[in-house]
């Protein structure tokens, strides 16, 4: 059953206070530049200013004049007001788990991390107005067995051996903040991080629904087993991958459902039970010893020959967020459309949409007229 969130209620807002004068913040220029995947040289060239001057602006040695600030806004497609805000929390590379690091270029990593910065910015804004699900993610950093860790999380969450109908809903109900990862590169599969005591997962929703489910479980493995104390390396990636397989396809459930000598047709039929890809199911059967090395190799050849890794047979529907639509429905009742929210955050509406791409069905626009007096919303 998907987690149920109660209806939103209104609370009177605190008294308005005068906002301090906003000044240029060089760290926000860095965020905007990296979000566009541009080097300092590229950005300076596009703005038509000397590289030395641009570096001085980004280092905060002196503020840019208004005409240069307007060029920053034009090149980055961020509103001018974005560059005048307070310093944003920026996830560091060593605190985030990235898959496919060997294939990922530095600008792709920077684009993903800068989107993480915007997600933290949005999440902070939401938490000021909503009581989001509390965090219930166990920390198993001393558990060396991914199989045992997956069983422990299932036990902790009361899932038992049941298939997980919607992993996005499940993770959201346990306080994990899930956002879309909008980097135009399949090398960036997903990443996760802890921000103090709040876990975040970013999913590349351009992939198949089955692979997105596996990515979500993979990142959960990082969150519970590694807690990101530094570079995690290949061994940790293998552990997270094994955790995802065990979490989505429990051993007892597999042994009870899978025949002794499964062929490709059987896997295509059985994958619906656990809503995983054919390749992931074959991997799990091999790990459990149901498939021999030779059987697994032959199945993998057939999977590749049928191009199942690109186009999954009997595809499942894409999982969407339960929390985000409820939040924005409540905001619309208070007269705030998504465009209004983007304006309050001083980010382009496209960036707000990018954080929710594939996770919500509604478009960026919508909502009633803005109310004269602000209200504070809470999911309670």
Protein backbone atom coordinates (compact mmCIF):
# COMPACT_ATOMS: atom_id res chain seq x y z
CA UNK A 1 0.00 0.00 0.00
CA UNK A 2 1.39 3.47 -0.82
CA UNK A 3 1.88 5.75 2.17
CA UNK A 4 -1.01 8.08 2.88
CA UNK A 5 -0.40 11.71 3.60
CA UNK A 6 -3.08 13.60 5.54
CA UNK A 7 -4.82 16.64 4.13
CA UNK A 8 -3.07 19.98 4.38
CA UNK A 9 -4.15 22.59 6.87
CA UNK A 10 -3.53 26.31 7.08
CA UNK A 11 -1.67 28.06 9.80
CA UNK A 12 -1.39 31.80 10.18
CA UNK A 13 1.99 33.09 9.12
CA UNK A 14 4.40 34.89 11.37
CA UNK A 15 4.47 38.67 11.23
CA UNK A 16 6.26 39.99 8.21
CA UNK A 17 9.63 41.55 8.84
CA UNK A 18 11.62 43.93 6.71
CA UNK A 19 14.00 42.07 4.45
CA UNK A 20 17.66 43.12 4.54
CA UNK A 21 19.13 44.77 1.47
CA UNK A 22 20.26 42.10 -0.94
CA UNK A 23 23.78 42.28 -2.36
CA UNK A 24 25.66 40.31 -4.98
CA UNK A 25 26.64 36.83 -3.78
CA UNK A 26 29.59 35.38 -5.74
CA UNK A 27 28.87 31.81 -4.62
CA UNK A 28 25.55 31.94 -6.45
CA UNK A 29 27.35 32.92 -9.64
CA UNK A 30 29.38 29.72 -9.28
CA UNK A 31 26.21 27.67 -8.79
CA UNK A 32 24.57 29.16 -11.90
CA UNK A 33 27.70 28.68 -14.01
CA UNK A 34 28.14 25.04 -13.00
CA UNK A 35 24.44 24.34 -13.48
CA UNK A 36 24.88 25.32 -17.12
CA UNK A 37 27.93 23.08 -17.46
CA UNK A 38 30.24 25.99 -18.28
CA UNK A 39 33.86 26.60 -17.34
CA UNK A 40 34.97 30.05 -16.21
CA UNK A 41 36.49 30.64 -19.64
CA UNK A 42 33.25 29.63 -21.39
CA UNK A 43 31.09 31.80 -19.17
CA UNK A 44 33.38 34.83 -19.44
CA UNK A 45 33.47 34.46 -23.22
CA UNK A 46 29.70 34.31 -23.48
CA UNK A 47 29.31 37.41 -21.32
CA UNK A 48 31.96 39.26 -23.30
CA UNK A 49 34.01 40.30 -20.28
CA UNK A 50 37.72 39.64 -19.58
CA UNK A 51 38.45 36.33 -17.86
CA UNK A 52 40.41 38.10 -15.13
CA UNK A 53 37.41 40.28 -14.31
CA UNK A 54 35.06 37.29 -14.26
CA UNK A 55 37.33 35.39 -11.89
CA UNK A 56 37.41 38.43 -9.60
CA UNK A 57 33.60 38.58 -9.59
CA UNK A 58 33.30 34.87 -8.80
CA UNK A 59 35.90 35.15 -6.05
CA UNK A 60 33.99 38.07 -4.54
CA UNK A 61 36.88 40.51 -4.84
CA UNK A 62 34.42 43.20 -5.94
CA UNK A 63 30.79 43.22 -7.10
CA UNK A 64 29.87 43.45 -10.79
CA UNK A 65 28.17 46.59 -12.13
CA UNK A 66 24.51 46.31 -13.05
CA UNK A 67 25.13 45.81 -16.77
CA UNK A 68 27.51 42.91 -16.11
CA UNK A 69 25.09 41.39 -13.62
CA UNK A 70 22.42 41.52 -16.31
CA UNK A 71 24.79 39.61 -18.62
CA UNK A 72 25.23 36.94 -15.95
CA UNK A 73 21.45 36.54 -15.80
CA UNK A 74 21.15 36.40 -19.58
CA UNK A 75 23.90 33.80 -20.11
CA UNK A 76 22.86 31.56 -17.21
CA UNK A 77 19.08 31.97 -17.72
CA UNK A 78 18.78 32.56 -13.98
CA UNK A 79 16.82 35.62 -12.79
CA UNK A 80 18.97 38.57 -11.80
CA UNK A 81 17.57 38.29 -8.25
CA UNK A 82 19.11 34.82 -7.92
CA UNK A 83 22.58 36.38 -7.70
CA UNK A 84 21.54 38.60 -4.79
CA UNK A 85 20.40 35.94 -2.32
CA UNK A 86 21.98 34.41 0.75
CA UNK A 87 24.64 31.73 0.43
CA UNK A 88 23.10 28.38 -0.49
CA UNK A 89 24.05 25.02 0.96
CA UNK A 90 26.12 23.22 -1.64
CA UNK A 91 26.64 19.44 -1.54
CA UNK A 92 30.29 18.51 -1.75
CA UNK A 93 31.61 15.80 -4.02
CA UNK A 94 32.87 13.76 -1.07
CA UNK A 95 29.40 13.74 0.55
CA UNK A 96 27.52 12.51 -2.52
CA UNK A 97 27.49 9.01 -3.97
CA UNK A 98 27.86 9.04 -7.74
CA UNK A 99 27.59 6.00 -9.96
CA UNK A 100 29.70 5.65 -13.11
CA UNK A 101 32.37 8.03 -11.82
CA UNK A 102 34.86 6.66 -14.35
CA UNK A 103 32.58 7.64 -17.25
CA UNK A 104 31.40 10.93 -15.79
CA UNK A 105 33.01 14.16 -16.87
CA UNK A 106 33.76 16.86 -14.30
CA UNK A 107 31.23 19.30 -15.78
CA UNK A 108 28.52 16.63 -15.58
CA UNK A 109 29.31 16.07 -11.91
CA UNK A 110 29.23 19.82 -11.30
CA UNK A 111 25.88 20.13 -13.07
CA UNK A 112 24.43 17.39 -10.87
CA UNK A 113 25.84 18.87 -7.65
CA UNK A 114 24.60 22.35 -8.53
CA UNK A 115 21.15 20.89 -9.12
CA UNK A 116 21.52 19.35 -5.66
CA UNK A 117 22.13 22.88 -4.39
CA UNK A 118 18.82 24.02 -5.89
CA UNK A 119 17.06 20.98 -4.41
CA UNK A 120 18.35 21.87 -0.94
CA UNK A 121 17.16 25.42 -1.53
CA UNK A 122 13.67 24.17 -2.52
CA UNK A 123 13.55 21.66 0.33
CA UNK A 124 14.39 24.37 2.87
CA UNK A 125 11.59 26.55 1.47
CA UNK A 126 9.13 23.64 1.67
CA UNK A 127 10.10 22.66 5.20
CA UNK A 128 9.36 26.19 6.36
CA UNK A 129 5.77 25.68 5.16
CA UNK A 130 5.13 21.94 5.44
CA UNK A 131 5.67 19.26 7.99
CA UNK A 132 7.18 16.64 5.70
CA UNK A 133 7.44 12.93 6.61
CA UNK A 134 9.99 12.41 9.37
CA UNK A 135 13.18 10.51 8.59
CA UNK A 136 13.17 6.80 9.38
CA UNK A 137 16.21 5.47 7.55
CA UNK A 138 18.36 3.08 9.60
CA UNK A 139 22.13 3.57 9.57
CA UNK A 140 23.96 0.27 9.08
CA UNK A 141 27.46 1.53 8.39
CA UNK A 142 29.04 -1.42 10.22
CA UNK A 143 27.06 -4.03 8.27
CA UNK A 144 29.36 -5.58 5.67
CA UNK A 145 26.77 -7.91 4.12
CA UNK A 146 24.43 -6.18 1.63
CA UNK A 147 22.01 -9.13 1.93
CA UNK A 148 21.81 -8.72 5.71
CA UNK A 149 21.48 -4.96 5.39
CA UNK A 150 18.56 -5.29 2.97
CA UNK A 151 16.84 -7.77 5.29
CA UNK A 152 17.41 -5.42 8.23
CA UNK A 153 15.83 -2.45 6.42
CA UNK A 154 12.85 -4.56 5.34
CA UNK A 155 12.41 -5.75 8.93
CA UNK A 156 12.76 -2.23 10.29
CA UNK A 157 10.09 -0.97 7.89
CA UNK A 158 7.77 -3.95 8.42
CA UNK A 159 7.83 -5.05 4.77
CA UNK A 160 8.77 -8.68 5.32
CA UNK A 161 9.12 -10.56 2.04
CA UNK A 162 6.43 -8.63 0.18
CA UNK A 163 7.16 -7.11 -3.25
CA UNK A 164 7.55 -3.33 -3.15
CA UNK A 165 4.74 -1.86 -5.23
CA UNK A 166 6.16 1.66 -5.39
CA UNK A 167 9.63 2.35 -4.07
CA UNK A 168 9.34 6.12 -4.55
CA UNK A 169 6.27 6.23 -2.30
CA UNK A 170 7.98 3.95 0.21
CA UNK A 171 11.12 6.08 0.42
CA UNK A 172 9.14 9.31 0.65
CA UNK A 173 7.10 7.87 3.53
CA UNK A 174 10.38 7.22 5.36
CA UNK A 175 11.51 10.83 4.98
CA UNK A 176 13.79 10.47 1.94
CA UNK A 177 13.57 13.57 -0.27
CA UNK A 178 13.43 12.42 -3.88
CA UNK A 179 14.08 14.70 -6.83
CA UNK A 180 14.70 14.25 -10.53
CA UNK A 181 18.24 14.46 -11.85
CA UNK A 182 18.17 16.66 -14.94
CA UNK A 183 21.58 16.21 -16.53
CA UNK A 184 21.48 15.41 -20.24
CA UNK A 185 23.82 12.45 -19.92
CA UNK A 186 23.11 8.80 -19.15
CA UNK A 187 26.55 8.63 -17.50
CA UNK A 188 24.89 10.34 -14.52
CA UNK A 189 22.57 7.55 -13.34
CA UNK A 190 21.65 8.78 -9.89
CA UNK A 191 23.20 10.08 -6.71
CA UNK A 192 22.34 10.35 -3.06
CA UNK A 193 23.53 12.29 -0.06
CA UNK A 194 22.80 13.16 3.53
CA UNK A 195 22.25 16.81 4.42
CA UNK A 196 22.73 16.72 8.16
CA UNK A 197 19.97 14.25 9.16
CA UNK A 198 17.94 14.40 5.96
CA UNK A 199 18.57 11.90 3.12
CA UNK A 200 18.23 12.91 -0.53
CA UNK A 201 18.07 10.77 -3.68
CA UNK A 202 18.27 12.12 -7.24
CA UNK A 203 17.04 9.88 -10.05
CA UNK A 204 17.64 10.12 -13.78
CA UNK A 205 14.04 9.73 -14.98
CA UNK A 206 15.11 9.37 -18.62
CA UNK A 207 15.80 5.70 -17.93
CA UNK A 208 13.27 2.87 -17.94
CA UNK A 209 10.94 2.63 -14.94
CA UNK A 210 12.52 -0.69 -13.93
CA UNK A 211 16.03 0.78 -13.93
CA UNK A 212 14.86 3.83 -11.99
CA UNK A 213 13.47 1.51 -9.30
CA UNK A 214 16.80 -0.27 -9.13
CA UNK A 215 18.66 3.06 -8.97
CA UNK A 216 16.46 4.18 -6.07
CA UNK A 217 17.19 0.96 -4.17
CA UNK A 218 20.89 1.27 -5.04
CA UNK A 219 21.03 4.77 -3.56
CA UNK A 220 19.14 3.59 -0.48
CA UNK A 221 21.94 1.08 -0.04
CA UNK A 222 24.46 3.92 -0.01
CA UNK A 223 22.37 5.90 2.47
CA UNK A 224 22.09 3.06 4.98
CA UNK A 225 25.48 1.37 4.52
CA UNK A 226 27.93 4.15 3.73
CA UNK A 227 26.67 7.48 5.03
CA UNK A 228 29.19 9.10 2.67
CA UNK A 229 32.20 9.77 4.83
CA UNK A 230 34.50 10.09 1.83
CA UNK A 231 35.20 8.58 -1.60
CA UNK A 232 33.43 5.25 -1.61
CA UNK A 233 34.96 3.47 -4.58
CA UNK A 234 34.09 0.40 -6.58
CA UNK A 235 33.60 -1.90 -3.60
CA UNK A 236 30.87 0.31 -2.16
CA UNK A 237 29.18 0.48 -5.58
CA UNK A 238 29.15 -3.31 -5.71
CA UNK A 239 27.71 -3.43 -2.19
CA UNK A 240 24.97 -0.94 -3.09
CA UNK A 241 24.15 -2.95 -6.22
CA UNK A 242 23.88 -6.17 -4.21
CA UNK A 243 21.76 -4.35 -1.62
CA UNK A 244 19.36 -3.16 -4.33
CA UNK A 245 18.93 -6.69 -5.68
CA UNK A 246 18.29 -8.14 -2.24
CA UNK A 247 15.98 -5.30 -1.23
CA UNK A 248 13.80 -5.50 -4.34
CA UNK A 249 13.95 -9.31 -4.67
CA UNK A 250 14.09 -10.98 -1.23
CA UNK A 251 15.73 -14.38 -1.16
CA UNK A 252 12.73 -16.30 0.24
CA UNK A 253 10.37 -14.68 -2.25
CA UNK A 254 12.63 -15.60 -5.17
CA UNK A 255 13.05 -19.22 -4.03
CA UNK A 256 9.29 -19.59 -3.65
CA UNK A 257 8.42 -18.21 -7.10
CA UNK A 258 11.20 -19.12 -9.53
CA UNK A 259 11.37 -22.58 -11.17
CA UNK A 260 14.53 -24.65 -10.99
CA UNK A 261 15.65 -24.06 -14.59
CA UNK A 262 14.20 -20.68 -15.67
CA UNK A 263 14.55 -19.60 -19.29
CA UNK A 264 14.22 -16.12 -20.78
CA UNK A 265 10.45 -16.45 -21.32
CA UNK A 266 10.03 -17.38 -17.65
CA UNK A 267 12.05 -14.35 -16.55
CA UNK A 268 9.96 -12.01 -18.70
CA UNK A 269 6.85 -13.36 -16.99
CA UNK A 270 8.29 -13.40 -13.45
CA UNK A 271 9.75 -9.88 -13.56
CA UNK A 272 6.24 -8.45 -13.00
CA UNK A 273 6.17 -9.84 -9.47
CA UNK A 274 9.08 -7.69 -8.30
CA UNK A 275 8.79 -5.00 -11.02
CA UNK A 276 12.43 -5.25 -12.00
CA UNK A 277 14.24 -5.56 -15.31
CA UNK A 278 14.91 -8.94 -16.89
CA UNK A 279 18.64 -8.27 -16.52
CA UNK A 280 18.29 -7.46 -12.81
CA UNK A 281 16.27 -10.62 -12.19
CA UNK A 282 18.87 -12.75 -14.01
CA UNK A 283 21.62 -11.11 -11.93
CA UNK A 284 19.75 -11.93 -8.71
CA UNK A 285 19.14 -15.56 -9.71
CA UNK A 286 22.83 -15.96 -10.48
CA UNK A 287 23.82 -14.38 -7.16
CA UNK A 288 21.53 -16.84 -5.32
CA UNK A 289 23.00 -19.81 -7.17
CA UNK A 290 19.79 -20.62 -9.06
CA UNK A 291 21.59 -19.96 -12.34
CA UNK A 292 25.00 -21.42 -13.07
CA UNK A 293 27.71 -19.26 -14.60
CA UNK A 294 27.01 -20.82 -17.99
CA UNK A 295 23.22 -20.37 -17.72
CA UNK A 296 23.67 -16.75 -16.67
CA UNK A 297 26.05 -16.07 -19.54
CA UNK A 298 23.63 -17.59 -22.07
CA UNK A 299 20.70 -15.59 -20.66
CA UNK A 300 22.76 -12.40 -20.75
CA UNK A 301 23.55 -13.00 -24.44
CA UNK A 302 19.83 -13.45 -25.17
CA UNK A 303 18.97 -10.30 -23.20
CA UNK A 304 21.51 -8.32 -25.21
CA UNK A 305 20.41 -9.85 -28.50
CA UNK A 306 16.80 -8.86 -27.82
CA UNK A 307 17.93 -5.35 -26.75
CA UNK A 308 16.04 -5.72 -23.48
CA UNK A 309 18.47 -3.38 -21.74
CA UNK A 310 17.25 -0.53 -23.96
CA UNK A 311 13.59 -1.45 -24.25
CA UNK A 312 12.26 -3.55 -21.41
CA UNK A 313 9.66 -6.23 -22.29
CA UNK A 314 6.30 -5.81 -20.55
CA UNK A 315 7.36 -2.41 -19.18
CA UNK A 316 5.91 -1.20 -15.90
CA UNK A 317 4.41 2.28 -15.38
CA UNK A 318 6.81 4.95 -14.22
CA UNK A 319 6.62 5.62 -10.51
CA UNK A 320 5.77 9.17 -9.52
CA UNK A 321 5.98 11.08 -6.27
CA UNK A 322 3.13 11.09 -3.77
CA UNK A 323 4.47 13.98 -1.70
CA UNK A 324 5.24 16.58 -4.37
CA UNK A 325 1.77 16.62 -6.02
CA UNK A 326 0.12 16.96 -2.59
CA UNK A 327 2.42 19.84 -1.70
CA UNK A 328 1.76 21.77 -4.89
CA UNK A 329 -1.96 21.06 -4.72
CA UNK A 330 -1.96 22.62 -1.25
CA UNK A 331 0.04 25.57 -2.51
CA UNK A 332 -2.42 26.09 -5.36
CA UNK A 333 -5.24 26.25 -2.82
CA UNK A 334 -3.32 29.11 -1.23
CA UNK A 335 -2.96 30.83 -4.59
CA UNK A 336 0.62 29.82 -5.35
CA UNK A 337 1.35 28.24 -8.73
CA UNK A 338 4.66 26.57 -9.49
CA UNK A 339 5.73 29.70 -11.31
CA UNK A 340 5.04 31.68 -8.13
CA UNK A 341 7.19 29.24 -6.16
CA UNK A 342 10.02 29.55 -8.67
CA UNK A 343 9.80 33.32 -8.39
CA UNK A 344 10.02 33.18 -4.60
CA UNK A 345 13.07 30.95 -4.89
CA UNK A 346 14.54 33.27 -7.56
CA UNK A 347 15.16 30.36 -9.91
CA UNK A 348 13.91 29.76 -13.47
CA UNK A 349 10.60 27.86 -13.63
CA UNK A 350 12.43 25.33 -15.79
CA UNK A 351 14.75 24.51 -12.88
CA UNK A 352 11.81 23.85 -10.58
CA UNK A 353 10.29 21.63 -13.26
CA UNK A 354 13.62 19.84 -13.71
CA UNK A 355 13.67 18.86 -10.04
CA UNK A 356 10.29 17.17 -10.49
CA UNK A 357 10.59 15.88 -14.06
CA UNK A 358 9.10 12.40 -14.28
CA UNK A 359 7.99 12.53 -10.65
CA UNK A 360 4.81 14.57 -11.15
CA UNK A 361 2.26 14.61 -13.93
CA UNK A 362 1.24 18.27 -13.81
CA UNK A 363 2.84 21.04 -15.84
CA UNK A 364 4.67 24.02 -14.46
CA UNK A 365 1.75 26.40 -14.59
CA UNK A 366 -1.47 26.35 -12.63
CA UNK A 367 -2.94 27.78 -9.50
CA UNK A 368 -5.28 30.48 -8.40
CA UNK A 369 -4.72 34.15 -7.81
CA UNK A 370 -2.17 35.12 -5.24
CA UNK A 371 -3.73 35.90 -1.89
CA UNK A 372 -3.17 39.24 -0.24
CA UNK A 373 -2.11 37.78 3.11
CA UNK A 374 0.41 34.95 3.13
CA UNK A 375 -0.54 31.68 4.79
CA UNK A 376 1.72 29.01 6.18
CA UNK A 377 0.90 25.48 5.02
CA UNK A 378 1.67 22.25 6.76
CA UNK A 379 1.17 18.57 6.02
CA UNK A 380 0.25 17.28 9.45
